[in-house]
ModelCIF file with pLDDT and N, C-alpha, C, O atoms, coordinates in Angstrom:
data_MODEL
#
_entry.id   MODEL 
#
_entity.id                         1 
_entity.type                       polymer 
_entity.pdbx_number_of_molecules   1 
#
_entity_poly.entity_id                      1 
_entity_poly.type                           'polypeptide(L)' 
_entity_poly.nstd_linkage                   no 
_entity_poly.nstd_monomer                   no 
_entity_poly.pdbx_seq_one_letter_code       
;(UNK)(UNK)(UNK)(UNK)(UNK)(UNK)(UNK)(UNK)(UNK)(UNK)(UNK)(UNK)(UNK)(UNK)(UNK)(UNK)
(UNK)(UNK)(UNK)(UNK)(UNK)(UNK)(UNK)(UNK)(UNK)(UNK)(UNK)(UNK)(UNK)(UNK)(UNK)(UNK)
(UNK)(UNK)(UNK)(UNK)(UNK)(UNK)(UNK)(UNK)(UNK)(UNK)(UNK)(UNK)(UNK)(UNK)(UNK)(UNK)
;
_entity_poly.pdbx_seq_one_letter_code_can   XXXXXXXXXXXXXXXXXXXXXXXXXXXXXXXXXXXXXXXXXXXXXXXX 
_entity_poly.pdbx_strand_id                 A 
#
loop_
_entity_poly_seq.entity_id 
_entity_poly_seq.num 
_entity_poly_seq.mon_id 
_entity_poly_seq.hetero 
1 1  UNK n 
1 2  UNK n 
1 3  UNK n 
1 4  UNK n 
1 5  UNK n 
1 6  UNK n 
1 7  UNK n 
1 8  UNK n 
1 9  UNK n 
1 10 UNK n 
1 11 UNK n 
1 12 UNK n 
1 13 UNK n 
1 14 UNK n 
1 15 UNK n 
1 16 UNK n 
1 17 UNK n 
1 18 UNK n 
1 19 UNK n 
1 20 UNK n 
1 21 UNK n 
1 22 UNK n 
1 23 UNK n 
1 24 UNK n 
1 25 UNK n 
1 26 UNK n 
1 27 UNK n 
1 28 UNK n 
1 29 UNK n 
1 30 UNK n 
1 31 UNK n 
1 32 UNK n 
1 33 UNK n 
1 34 UNK n 
1 35 UNK n 
1 36 UNK n 
1 37 UNK n 
1 38 UNK n 
1 39 UNK n 
1 40 UNK n 
1 41 UNK n 
1 42 UNK n 
1 43 UNK n 
1 44 UNK n 
1 45 UNK n 
1 46 UNK n 
1 47 UNK n 
1 48 UNK n 
#
_struct_asym.id          A 
_struct_asym.entity_id   1 
#
loop_
_ma_qa_metric.id 
_ma_qa_metric.mode 
_ma_qa_metric.name 
_ma_qa_metric.software_group_id 
_ma_qa_metric.type 
1 global pLDDT . pLDDT 
2 local  pLDDT . pLDDT 
#
_ma_qa_metric_global.metric_id      1 
_ma_qa_metric_global.metric_value   96.67 
_ma_qa_metric_global.model_id       1 
_ma_qa_metric_global.ordinal_id     1 
#
loop_
_ma_qa_metric_local.label_asym_id 
_ma_qa_metric_local.label_comp_id 
_ma_qa_metric_local.label_seq_id 
_ma_qa_metric_local.metric_id 
_ma_qa_metric_local.metric_value 
_ma_qa_metric_local.model_id 
_ma_qa_metric_local.ordinal_id 
A UNK 1  2 97.00 1 1  
A UNK 2  2 96.00 1 2  
A UNK 3  2 97.00 1 3  
A UNK 4  2 97.00 1 4  
A UNK 5  2 97.00 1 5  
A UNK 6  2 97.00 1 6  
A UNK 7  2 97.00 1 7  
A UNK 8  2 97.00 1 8  
A UNK 9  2 97.00 1 9  
A UNK 10 2 97.00 1 10 
A UNK 11 2 97.00 1 11 
A UNK 12 2 96.00 1 12 
A UNK 13 2 96.00 1 13 
A UNK 14 2 96.00 1 14 
A UNK 15 2 95.00 1 15 
A UNK 16 2 95.00 1 16 
A UNK 17 2 96.00 1 17 
A UNK 18 2 97.00 1 18 
A UNK 19 2 96.00 1 19 
A UNK 20 2 97.00 1 20 
A UNK 21 2 97.00 1 21 
A UNK 22 2 97.00 1 22 
A UNK 23 2 97.00 1 23 
A UNK 24 2 97.00 1 24 
A UNK 25 2 98.00 1 25 
A UNK 26 2 98.00 1 26 
A UNK 27 2 97.00 1 27 
A UNK 28 2 98.00 1 28 
A UNK 29 2 96.00 1 29 
A UNK 30 2 94.00 1 30 
A UNK 31 2 95.00 1 31 
A UNK 32 2 95.00 1 32 
A UNK 33 2 96.00 1 33 
A UNK 34 2 95.00 1 34 
A UNK 35 2 97.00 1 35 
A UNK 36 2 98.00 1 36 
A UNK 37 2 98.00 1 37 
A UNK 38 2 98.00 1 38 
A UNK 39 2 98.00 1 39 
A UNK 40 2 98.00 1 40 
A UNK 41 2 98.00 1 41 
A UNK 42 2 97.00 1 42 
A UNK 43 2 97.00 1 43 
A UNK 44 2 95.00 1 44 
A UNK 45 2 95.00 1 45 
A UNK 46 2 97.00 1 46 
A UNK 47 2 97.00 1 47 
A UNK 48 2 97.00 1 48 
#
loop_
_atom_site.group_PDB 
_atom_site.id 
_atom_site.type_symbol 
_atom_site.label_atom_id 
_atom_site.label_alt_id 
_atom_site.label_comp_id 
_atom_site.label_asym_id 
_atom_site.label_entity_id 
_atom_site.label_seq_id 
_atom_site.pdbx_PDB_ins_code 
_atom_site.Cartn_x 
_atom_site.Cartn_y 
_atom_site.Cartn_z 
_atom_site.occupancy 
_atom_site.B_iso_or_equiv 
_atom_site.pdbx_formal_charge 
_atom_site.auth_seq_id 
_atom_site.auth_comp_id 
_atom_site.auth_asym_id 
_atom_site.auth_atom_id 
_atom_site.pdbx_PDB_model_num 
ATOM 1   N N  . UNK A 1 1  ? 152.926 272.905 1.671  1.00 97.00 ? 1  UNK A N  1 
ATOM 2   C CA . UNK A 1 1  ? 152.084 273.845 0.737  1.00 97.00 ? 1  UNK A CA 1 
ATOM 3   C C  . UNK A 1 1  ? 151.056 273.272 -0.010 1.00 97.00 ? 1  UNK A C  1 
ATOM 4   O O  . UNK A 1 1  ? 149.965 273.833 -0.119 1.00 97.00 ? 1  UNK A O  1 
ATOM 5   N N  . UNK A 1 2  ? 151.371 271.939 -0.663 1.00 96.00 ? 2  UNK A N  1 
ATOM 6   C CA . UNK A 1 2  ? 150.520 271.198 -1.573 1.00 96.00 ? 2  UNK A CA 1 
ATOM 7   C C  . UNK A 1 2  ? 150.559 270.008 -1.551 1.00 96.00 ? 2  UNK A C  1 
ATOM 8   O O  . UNK A 1 2  ? 151.560 269.500 -2.055 1.00 96.00 ? 2  UNK A O  1 
ATOM 9   N N  . UNK A 1 3  ? 149.428 269.028 -0.926 1.00 97.00 ? 3  UNK A N  1 
ATOM 10  C CA . UNK A 1 3  ? 149.713 267.530 -0.793 1.00 97.00 ? 3  UNK A CA 1 
ATOM 11  C C  . UNK A 1 3  ? 150.120 266.893 -2.198 1.00 97.00 ? 3  UNK A C  1 
ATOM 12  O O  . UNK A 1 3  ? 151.150 266.220 -2.200 1.00 97.00 ? 3  UNK A O  1 
ATOM 13  N N  . UNK A 1 4  ? 149.538 267.013 -3.188 1.00 97.00 ? 4  UNK A N  1 
ATOM 14  C CA . UNK A 1 4  ? 149.804 266.536 -4.506 1.00 97.00 ? 4  UNK A CA 1 
ATOM 15  C C  . UNK A 1 4  ? 151.071 266.459 -4.776 1.00 97.00 ? 4  UNK A C  1 
ATOM 16  O O  . UNK A 1 4  ? 151.592 265.393 -5.103 1.00 97.00 ? 4  UNK A O  1 
ATOM 17  N N  . UNK A 1 5  ? 151.857 267.803 -4.654 1.00 97.00 ? 5  UNK A N  1 
ATOM 18  C CA . UNK A 1 5  ? 153.079 268.167 -5.199 1.00 97.00 ? 5  UNK A CA 1 
ATOM 19  C C  . UNK A 1 5  ? 154.109 267.538 -4.043 1.00 97.00 ? 5  UNK A C  1 
ATOM 20  O O  . UNK A 1 5  ? 155.262 267.269 -4.380 1.00 97.00 ? 5  UNK A O  1 
ATOM 21  N N  . UNK A 1 6  ? 153.671 267.316 -2.700 1.00 97.00 ? 6  UNK A N  1 
ATOM 22  C CA . UNK A 1 6  ? 154.632 266.555 -1.825 1.00 97.00 ? 6  UNK A CA 1 
ATOM 23  C C  . UNK A 1 6  ? 154.591 265.417 -2.121 1.00 97.00 ? 6  UNK A C  1 
ATOM 24  O O  . UNK A 1 6  ? 155.698 264.889 -2.222 1.00 97.00 ? 6  UNK A O  1 
ATOM 25  N N  . UNK A 1 7  ? 153.516 264.634 -2.359 1.00 97.00 ? 7  UNK A N  1 
ATOM 26  C CA . UNK A 1 7  ? 153.123 263.192 -2.794 1.00 97.00 ? 7  UNK A CA 1 
ATOM 27  C C  . UNK A 1 7  ? 154.071 262.655 -3.899 1.00 97.00 ? 7  UNK A C  1 
ATOM 28  O O  . UNK A 1 7  ? 154.563 261.527 -3.873 1.00 97.00 ? 7  UNK A O  1 
ATOM 29  N N  . UNK A 1 8  ? 154.292 263.641 -4.940 1.00 97.00 ? 8  UNK A N  1 
ATOM 30  C CA . UNK A 1 8  ? 155.104 263.301 -6.361 1.00 97.00 ? 8  UNK A CA 1 
ATOM 31  C C  . UNK A 1 8  ? 156.470 263.117 -5.828 1.00 97.00 ? 8  UNK A C  1 
ATOM 32  O O  . UNK A 1 8  ? 157.086 262.087 -6.103 1.00 97.00 ? 8  UNK A O  1 
ATOM 33  N N  . UNK A 1 9  ? 156.984 264.032 -5.092 1.00 97.00 ? 9  UNK A N  1 
ATOM 34  C CA . UNK A 1 9  ? 158.176 264.406 -4.419 1.00 97.00 ? 9  UNK A CA 1 
ATOM 35  C C  . UNK A 1 9  ? 158.512 263.047 -3.833 1.00 97.00 ? 9  UNK A C  1 
ATOM 36  O O  . UNK A 1 9  ? 159.210 262.154 -4.314 1.00 97.00 ? 9  UNK A O  1 
ATOM 37  N N  . UNK A 1 10 ? 157.838 263.100 -2.654 1.00 97.00 ? 10 UNK A N  1 
ATOM 38  C CA . UNK A 1 10 ? 158.132 261.773 -1.805 1.00 97.00 ? 10 UNK A CA 1 
ATOM 39  C C  . UNK A 1 10 ? 158.049 260.676 -2.611 1.00 97.00 ? 10 UNK A C  1 
ATOM 40  O O  . UNK A 1 10 ? 159.077 260.023 -2.437 1.00 97.00 ? 10 UNK A O  1 
ATOM 41  N N  . UNK A 1 11 ? 157.292 260.118 -3.456 1.00 97.00 ? 11 UNK A N  1 
ATOM 42  C CA . UNK A 1 11 ? 157.740 258.973 -3.980 1.00 97.00 ? 11 UNK A CA 1 
ATOM 43  C C  . UNK A 1 11 ? 158.447 258.689 -5.004 1.00 97.00 ? 11 UNK A C  1 
ATOM 44  O O  . UNK A 1 11 ? 158.573 257.576 -5.516 1.00 97.00 ? 11 UNK A O  1 
ATOM 45  N N  . UNK A 1 12 ? 159.069 259.975 -5.429 1.00 96.00 ? 12 UNK A N  1 
ATOM 46  C CA . UNK A 1 12 ? 160.398 259.928 -6.386 1.00 96.00 ? 12 UNK A CA 1 
ATOM 47  C C  . UNK A 1 12 ? 161.556 259.712 -5.382 1.00 96.00 ? 12 UNK A C  1 
ATOM 48  O O  . UNK A 1 12 ? 162.619 259.243 -5.789 1.00 96.00 ? 12 UNK A O  1 
ATOM 49  N N  . UNK A 1 13 ? 161.390 260.023 -4.156 1.00 96.00 ? 13 UNK A N  1 
ATOM 50  C CA . UNK A 1 13 ? 162.631 260.158 -3.385 1.00 96.00 ? 13 UNK A CA 1 
ATOM 51  C C  . UNK A 1 13 ? 162.841 258.451 -2.703 1.00 96.00 ? 13 UNK A C  1 
ATOM 52  O O  . UNK A 1 13 ? 163.770 258.199 -1.935 1.00 96.00 ? 13 UNK A O  1 
ATOM 53  N N  . UNK A 1 14 ? 161.703 257.279 -3.186 1.00 96.00 ? 14 UNK A N  1 
ATOM 54  C CA . UNK A 1 14 ? 162.045 256.439 -2.760 1.00 96.00 ? 14 UNK A CA 1 
ATOM 55  C C  . UNK A 1 14 ? 163.449 255.655 -2.739 1.00 96.00 ? 14 UNK A C  1 
ATOM 56  O O  . UNK A 1 14 ? 163.667 254.908 -1.785 1.00 96.00 ? 14 UNK A O  1 
ATOM 57  N N  . UNK A 1 15 ? 164.332 255.786 -3.673 1.00 95.00 ? 15 UNK A N  1 
ATOM 58  C CA . UNK A 1 15 ? 165.523 255.419 -3.876 1.00 95.00 ? 15 UNK A CA 1 
ATOM 59  C C  . UNK A 1 15 ? 166.570 256.079 -2.774 1.00 95.00 ? 15 UNK A C  1 
ATOM 60  O O  . UNK A 1 15 ? 167.545 255.477 -2.325 1.00 95.00 ? 15 UNK A O  1 
ATOM 61  N N  . UNK A 1 16 ? 166.235 257.247 -2.470 1.00 95.00 ? 16 UNK A N  1 
ATOM 62  C CA . UNK A 1 16 ? 167.023 257.951 -1.020 1.00 95.00 ? 16 UNK A CA 1 
ATOM 63  C C  . UNK A 1 16 ? 166.839 257.161 0.048  1.00 95.00 ? 16 UNK A C  1 
ATOM 64  O O  . UNK A 1 16 ? 167.804 256.686 0.646  1.00 95.00 ? 16 UNK A O  1 
ATOM 65  N N  . UNK A 1 17 ? 165.319 256.882 0.487  1.00 96.00 ? 17 UNK A N  1 
ATOM 66  C CA . UNK A 1 17 ? 165.081 256.260 1.511  1.00 96.00 ? 17 UNK A CA 1 
ATOM 67  C C  . UNK A 1 17 ? 165.794 254.859 1.904  1.00 96.00 ? 17 UNK A C  1 
ATOM 68  O O  . UNK A 1 17 ? 166.327 254.499 2.954  1.00 96.00 ? 17 UNK A O  1 
ATOM 69  N N  . UNK A 1 18 ? 165.567 254.083 0.428  1.00 97.00 ? 18 UNK A N  1 
ATOM 70  C CA . UNK A 1 18 ? 165.988 252.705 0.781  1.00 97.00 ? 18 UNK A CA 1 
ATOM 71  C C  . UNK A 1 18 ? 167.863 252.816 0.698  1.00 97.00 ? 18 UNK A C  1 
ATOM 72  O O  . UNK A 1 18 ? 168.537 251.919 1.205  1.00 97.00 ? 18 UNK A O  1 
ATOM 73  N N  . UNK A 1 19 ? 168.439 253.870 0.090  1.00 96.00 ? 19 UNK A N  1 
ATOM 74  C CA . UNK A 1 19 ? 169.911 253.924 0.388  1.00 96.00 ? 19 UNK A CA 1 
ATOM 75  C C  . UNK A 1 19 ? 170.202 254.137 1.945  1.00 96.00 ? 19 UNK A C  1 
ATOM 76  O O  . UNK A 1 19 ? 171.228 253.957 2.603  1.00 96.00 ? 19 UNK A O  1 
ATOM 77  N N  . UNK A 1 20 ? 169.081 254.532 2.254  1.00 97.00 ? 20 UNK A N  1 
ATOM 78  C CA . UNK A 1 20 ? 169.510 254.737 3.961  1.00 97.00 ? 20 UNK A CA 1 
ATOM 79  C C  . UNK A 1 20 ? 168.727 253.847 4.934  1.00 97.00 ? 20 UNK A C  1 
ATOM 80  O O  . UNK A 1 20 ? 168.338 254.182 6.053  1.00 97.00 ? 20 UNK A O  1 
ATOM 81  N N  . UNK A 1 21 ? 168.548 252.603 4.304  1.00 97.00 ? 21 UNK A N  1 
ATOM 82  C CA . UNK A 1 21 ? 167.674 251.314 5.001  1.00 97.00 ? 21 UNK A CA 1 
ATOM 83  C C  . UNK A 1 21 ? 166.463 251.386 5.291  1.00 97.00 ? 21 UNK A C  1 
ATOM 84  O O  . UNK A 1 21 ? 166.074 250.766 6.281  1.00 97.00 ? 21 UNK A O  1 
ATOM 85  N N  . UNK A 1 22 ? 165.550 252.146 4.522  1.00 97.00 ? 22 UNK A N  1 
ATOM 86  C CA . UNK A 1 22 ? 164.100 252.142 4.670  1.00 97.00 ? 22 UNK A CA 1 
ATOM 87  C C  . UNK A 1 22 ? 163.564 250.776 4.311  1.00 97.00 ? 22 UNK A C  1 
ATOM 88  O O  . UNK A 1 22 ? 164.032 250.142 3.366  1.00 97.00 ? 22 UNK A O  1 
ATOM 89  N N  . UNK A 1 23 ? 162.586 250.326 5.064  1.00 97.00 ? 23 UNK A N  1 
ATOM 90  C CA . UNK A 1 23 ? 161.912 249.173 4.910  1.00 97.00 ? 23 UNK A CA 1 
ATOM 91  C C  . UNK A 1 23 ? 160.827 249.326 4.464  1.00 97.00 ? 23 UNK A C  1 
ATOM 92  O O  . UNK A 1 23 ? 160.194 248.341 4.087  1.00 97.00 ? 23 UNK A O  1 
ATOM 93  N N  . UNK A 1 24 ? 160.336 250.508 4.384  1.00 97.00 ? 24 UNK A N  1 
ATOM 94  C CA . UNK A 1 24 ? 158.993 250.724 4.123  1.00 97.00 ? 24 UNK A CA 1 
ATOM 95  C C  . UNK A 1 24 ? 158.250 251.891 4.862  1.00 97.00 ? 24 UNK A C  1 
ATOM 96  O O  . UNK A 1 24 ? 158.465 252.056 6.063  1.00 97.00 ? 24 UNK A O  1 
ATOM 97  N N  . UNK A 1 25 ? 157.467 252.625 4.249  1.00 98.00 ? 25 UNK A N  1 
ATOM 98  C CA . UNK A 1 25 ? 156.958 253.915 4.736  1.00 98.00 ? 25 UNK A CA 1 
ATOM 99  C C  . UNK A 1 25 ? 155.450 253.861 4.680  1.00 98.00 ? 25 UNK A C  1 
ATOM 100 O O  . UNK A 1 25 ? 154.945 252.961 4.008  1.00 98.00 ? 25 UNK A O  1 
ATOM 101 N N  . UNK A 1 26 ? 154.643 254.758 5.336  1.00 98.00 ? 26 UNK A N  1 
ATOM 102 C CA . UNK A 1 26 ? 153.341 254.909 5.455  1.00 98.00 ? 26 UNK A CA 1 
ATOM 103 C C  . UNK A 1 26 ? 153.139 256.206 5.649  1.00 98.00 ? 26 UNK A C  1 
ATOM 104 O O  . UNK A 1 26 ? 153.814 256.695 6.556  1.00 98.00 ? 26 UNK A O  1 
ATOM 105 N N  . UNK A 1 27 ? 152.197 257.136 4.903  1.00 97.00 ? 27 UNK A N  1 
ATOM 106 C CA . UNK A 1 27 ? 151.818 258.109 4.981  1.00 97.00 ? 27 UNK A CA 1 
ATOM 107 C C  . UNK A 1 27 ? 150.372 258.613 5.218  1.00 97.00 ? 27 UNK A C  1 
ATOM 108 O O  . UNK A 1 27 ? 149.408 258.180 4.586  1.00 97.00 ? 27 UNK A O  1 
ATOM 109 N N  . UNK A 1 28 ? 150.294 259.646 6.263  1.00 98.00 ? 28 UNK A N  1 
ATOM 110 C CA . UNK A 1 28 ? 148.753 259.886 6.452  1.00 98.00 ? 28 UNK A CA 1 
ATOM 111 C C  . UNK A 1 28 ? 148.956 261.550 6.507  1.00 98.00 ? 28 UNK A C  1 
ATOM 112 O O  . UNK A 1 28 ? 149.975 262.144 6.859  1.00 98.00 ? 28 UNK A O  1 
ATOM 113 N N  . UNK A 1 29 ? 147.607 262.165 6.027  1.00 96.00 ? 29 UNK A N  1 
ATOM 114 C CA . UNK A 1 29 ? 147.186 263.371 6.113  1.00 96.00 ? 29 UNK A CA 1 
ATOM 115 C C  . UNK A 1 29 ? 146.294 263.465 7.195  1.00 96.00 ? 29 UNK A C  1 
ATOM 116 O O  . UNK A 1 29 ? 145.467 262.572 7.377  1.00 96.00 ? 29 UNK A O  1 
ATOM 117 N N  . UNK A 1 30 ? 146.373 264.574 8.034  1.00 94.00 ? 30 UNK A N  1 
ATOM 118 C CA . UNK A 1 30 ? 145.195 264.768 9.294  1.00 94.00 ? 30 UNK A CA 1 
ATOM 119 C C  . UNK A 1 30 ? 143.628 265.085 8.548  1.00 94.00 ? 30 UNK A C  1 
ATOM 120 O O  . UNK A 1 30 ? 143.450 265.976 7.717  1.00 94.00 ? 30 UNK A O  1 
ATOM 121 N N  . UNK A 1 31 ? 142.854 264.401 8.912  1.00 95.00 ? 31 UNK A N  1 
ATOM 122 C CA . UNK A 1 31 ? 141.512 264.771 8.570  1.00 95.00 ? 31 UNK A CA 1 
ATOM 123 C C  . UNK A 1 31 ? 140.896 266.118 8.785  1.00 95.00 ? 31 UNK A C  1 
ATOM 124 O O  . UNK A 1 31 ? 140.608 266.589 9.885  1.00 95.00 ? 31 UNK A O  1 
ATOM 125 N N  . UNK A 1 32 ? 140.738 266.640 7.722  1.00 95.00 ? 32 UNK A N  1 
ATOM 126 C CA . UNK A 1 32 ? 140.081 268.114 7.729  1.00 95.00 ? 32 UNK A CA 1 
ATOM 127 C C  . UNK A 1 32 ? 141.315 268.960 7.374  1.00 95.00 ? 32 UNK A C  1 
ATOM 128 O O  . UNK A 1 32 ? 141.206 270.124 6.989  1.00 95.00 ? 32 UNK A O  1 
ATOM 129 N N  . UNK A 1 33 ? 142.155 268.511 7.477  1.00 96.00 ? 33 UNK A N  1 
ATOM 130 C CA . UNK A 1 33 ? 143.514 269.624 7.342  1.00 96.00 ? 33 UNK A CA 1 
ATOM 131 C C  . UNK A 1 33 ? 144.709 268.683 6.355  1.00 96.00 ? 33 UNK A C  1 
ATOM 132 O O  . UNK A 1 33 ? 145.641 268.146 6.952  1.00 96.00 ? 33 UNK A O  1 
ATOM 133 N N  . UNK A 1 34 ? 144.613 268.571 5.117  1.00 95.00 ? 34 UNK A N  1 
ATOM 134 C CA . UNK A 1 34 ? 145.364 267.566 4.741  1.00 95.00 ? 34 UNK A CA 1 
ATOM 135 C C  . UNK A 1 34 ? 146.647 268.039 4.182  1.00 95.00 ? 34 UNK A C  1 
ATOM 136 O O  . UNK A 1 34 ? 147.339 267.301 3.480  1.00 95.00 ? 34 UNK A O  1 
ATOM 137 N N  . UNK A 1 35 ? 147.016 269.371 4.504  1.00 97.00 ? 35 UNK A N  1 
ATOM 138 C CA . UNK A 1 35 ? 148.260 269.652 4.111  1.00 97.00 ? 35 UNK A CA 1 
ATOM 139 C C  . UNK A 1 35 ? 149.175 269.105 5.438  1.00 97.00 ? 35 UNK A C  1 
ATOM 140 O O  . UNK A 1 35 ? 150.397 269.062 5.290  1.00 97.00 ? 35 UNK A O  1 
ATOM 141 N N  . UNK A 1 36 ? 148.572 268.684 6.747  1.00 98.00 ? 36 UNK A N  1 
ATOM 142 C CA . UNK A 1 36 ? 149.449 268.533 7.905  1.00 98.00 ? 36 UNK A CA 1 
ATOM 143 C C  . UNK A 1 36 ? 149.538 266.725 7.415  1.00 98.00 ? 36 UNK A C  1 
ATOM 144 O O  . UNK A 1 36 ? 148.625 265.981 7.055  1.00 98.00 ? 36 UNK A O  1 
ATOM 145 N N  . UNK A 1 37 ? 150.870 266.478 7.569  1.00 98.00 ? 37 UNK A N  1 
ATOM 146 C CA . UNK A 1 37 ? 151.475 264.944 7.026  1.00 98.00 ? 37 UNK A CA 1 
ATOM 147 C C  . UNK A 1 37 ? 152.087 264.590 8.425  1.00 98.00 ? 37 UNK A C  1 
ATOM 148 O O  . UNK A 1 37 ? 152.659 265.318 9.236  1.00 98.00 ? 37 UNK A O  1 
ATOM 149 N N  . UNK A 1 38 ? 151.761 263.103 8.470  1.00 98.00 ? 38 UNK A N  1 
ATOM 150 C CA . UNK A 1 38 ? 152.587 262.271 9.311  1.00 98.00 ? 38 UNK A CA 1 
ATOM 151 C C  . UNK A 1 38 ? 152.778 261.045 8.593  1.00 98.00 ? 38 UNK A C  1 
ATOM 152 O O  . UNK A 1 38 ? 151.973 260.327 8.000  1.00 98.00 ? 38 UNK A O  1 
ATOM 153 N N  . UNK A 1 39 ? 154.158 260.946 8.794  1.00 98.00 ? 39 UNK A N  1 
ATOM 154 C CA . UNK A 1 39 ? 154.790 259.617 7.949  1.00 98.00 ? 39 UNK A CA 1 
ATOM 155 C C  . UNK A 1 39 ? 155.255 258.570 9.085  1.00 98.00 ? 39 UNK A C  1 
ATOM 156 O O  . UNK A 1 39 ? 155.797 259.086 10.063 1.00 98.00 ? 39 UNK A O  1 
ATOM 157 N N  . UNK A 1 40 ? 155.121 257.238 9.086  1.00 98.00 ? 40 UNK A N  1 
ATOM 158 C CA . UNK A 1 40 ? 155.395 256.191 9.586  1.00 98.00 ? 40 UNK A CA 1 
ATOM 159 C C  . UNK A 1 40 ? 156.595 255.525 9.056  1.00 98.00 ? 40 UNK A C  1 
ATOM 160 O O  . UNK A 1 40 ? 156.182 254.680 8.262  1.00 98.00 ? 40 UNK A O  1 
ATOM 161 N N  . UNK A 1 41 ? 157.834 255.494 9.107  1.00 98.00 ? 41 UNK A N  1 
ATOM 162 C CA . UNK A 1 41 ? 158.675 254.507 8.698  1.00 98.00 ? 41 UNK A CA 1 
ATOM 163 C C  . UNK A 1 41 ? 159.587 253.621 9.097  1.00 98.00 ? 41 UNK A C  1 
ATOM 164 O O  . UNK A 1 41 ? 160.215 254.021 10.077 1.00 98.00 ? 41 UNK A O  1 
ATOM 165 N N  . UNK A 1 42 ? 159.975 252.301 8.609  1.00 97.00 ? 42 UNK A N  1 
ATOM 166 C CA . UNK A 1 42 ? 160.482 251.464 9.194  1.00 97.00 ? 42 UNK A CA 1 
ATOM 167 C C  . UNK A 1 42 ? 162.023 251.311 8.545  1.00 97.00 ? 42 UNK A C  1 
ATOM 168 O O  . UNK A 1 42 ? 162.336 251.381 7.357  1.00 97.00 ? 42 UNK A O  1 
ATOM 169 N N  . UNK A 1 43 ? 162.717 251.122 9.487  1.00 97.00 ? 43 UNK A N  1 
ATOM 170 C CA . UNK A 1 43 ? 164.378 251.519 8.957  1.00 97.00 ? 43 UNK A CA 1 
ATOM 171 C C  . UNK A 1 43 ? 165.243 250.116 9.728  1.00 97.00 ? 43 UNK A C  1 
ATOM 172 O O  . UNK A 1 43 ? 165.110 249.789 10.907 1.00 97.00 ? 43 UNK A O  1 
ATOM 173 N N  . UNK A 1 44 ? 165.896 249.616 8.979  1.00 95.00 ? 44 UNK A N  1 
ATOM 174 C CA . UNK A 1 44 ? 167.007 248.564 9.352  1.00 95.00 ? 44 UNK A CA 1 
ATOM 175 C C  . UNK A 1 44 ? 167.525 249.048 10.467 1.00 95.00 ? 44 UNK A C  1 
ATOM 176 O O  . UNK A 1 44 ? 167.532 248.359 11.487 1.00 95.00 ? 44 UNK A O  1 
ATOM 177 N N  . UNK A 1 45 ? 168.021 250.266 10.442 1.00 95.00 ? 45 UNK A N  1 
ATOM 178 C CA . UNK A 1 45 ? 169.412 250.840 11.417 1.00 95.00 ? 45 UNK A CA 1 
ATOM 179 C C  . UNK A 1 45 ? 169.063 252.158 11.689 1.00 95.00 ? 45 UNK A C  1 
ATOM 180 O O  . UNK A 1 45 ? 168.842 253.010 10.828 1.00 95.00 ? 45 UNK A O  1 
ATOM 181 N N  . UNK A 1 46 ? 169.003 252.365 13.226 1.00 97.00 ? 46 UNK A N  1 
ATOM 182 C CA . UNK A 1 46 ? 168.632 254.006 13.687 1.00 97.00 ? 46 UNK A CA 1 
ATOM 183 C C  . UNK A 1 46 ? 169.682 255.002 13.134 1.00 97.00 ? 46 UNK A C  1 
ATOM 184 O O  . UNK A 1 46 ? 169.417 256.105 12.658 1.00 97.00 ? 46 UNK A O  1 
ATOM 185 N N  . UNK A 1 47 ? 171.132 254.356 13.291 1.00 97.00 ? 47 UNK A N  1 
ATOM 186 C CA . UNK A 1 47 ? 172.057 255.208 12.570 1.00 97.00 ? 47 UNK A CA 1 
ATOM 187 C C  . UNK A 1 47 ? 172.014 255.718 11.266 1.00 97.00 ? 47 UNK A C  1 
ATOM 188 O O  . UNK A 1 47 ? 172.306 256.884 11.004 1.00 97.00 ? 47 UNK A O  1 
ATOM 189 N N  . UNK A 1 48 ? 171.613 254.777 10.328 1.00 97.00 ? 48 UNK A N  1 
ATOM 190 C CA . UNK A 1 48 ? 171.361 254.978 8.994  1.00 97.00 ? 48 UNK A CA 1 
ATOM 191 C C  . UNK A 1 48 ? 170.505 255.859 8.968  1.00 97.00 ? 48 UNK A C  1 
ATOM 192 O O  . UNK A 1 48 ? 170.066 256.264 7.891  1.00 97.00 ? 48 UNK A O  1 
#
């Protein structure tokens, strides 16, 4: 709904991602349509 609101919550959820094995994430919004978001994450384990 709102990119700034989403970004705040996404950054606050870092500990949740880390708890499931996140090794880092990169976020992108679509040029010309900033509310369309793509995240590329790297995880230690697919199951987690």
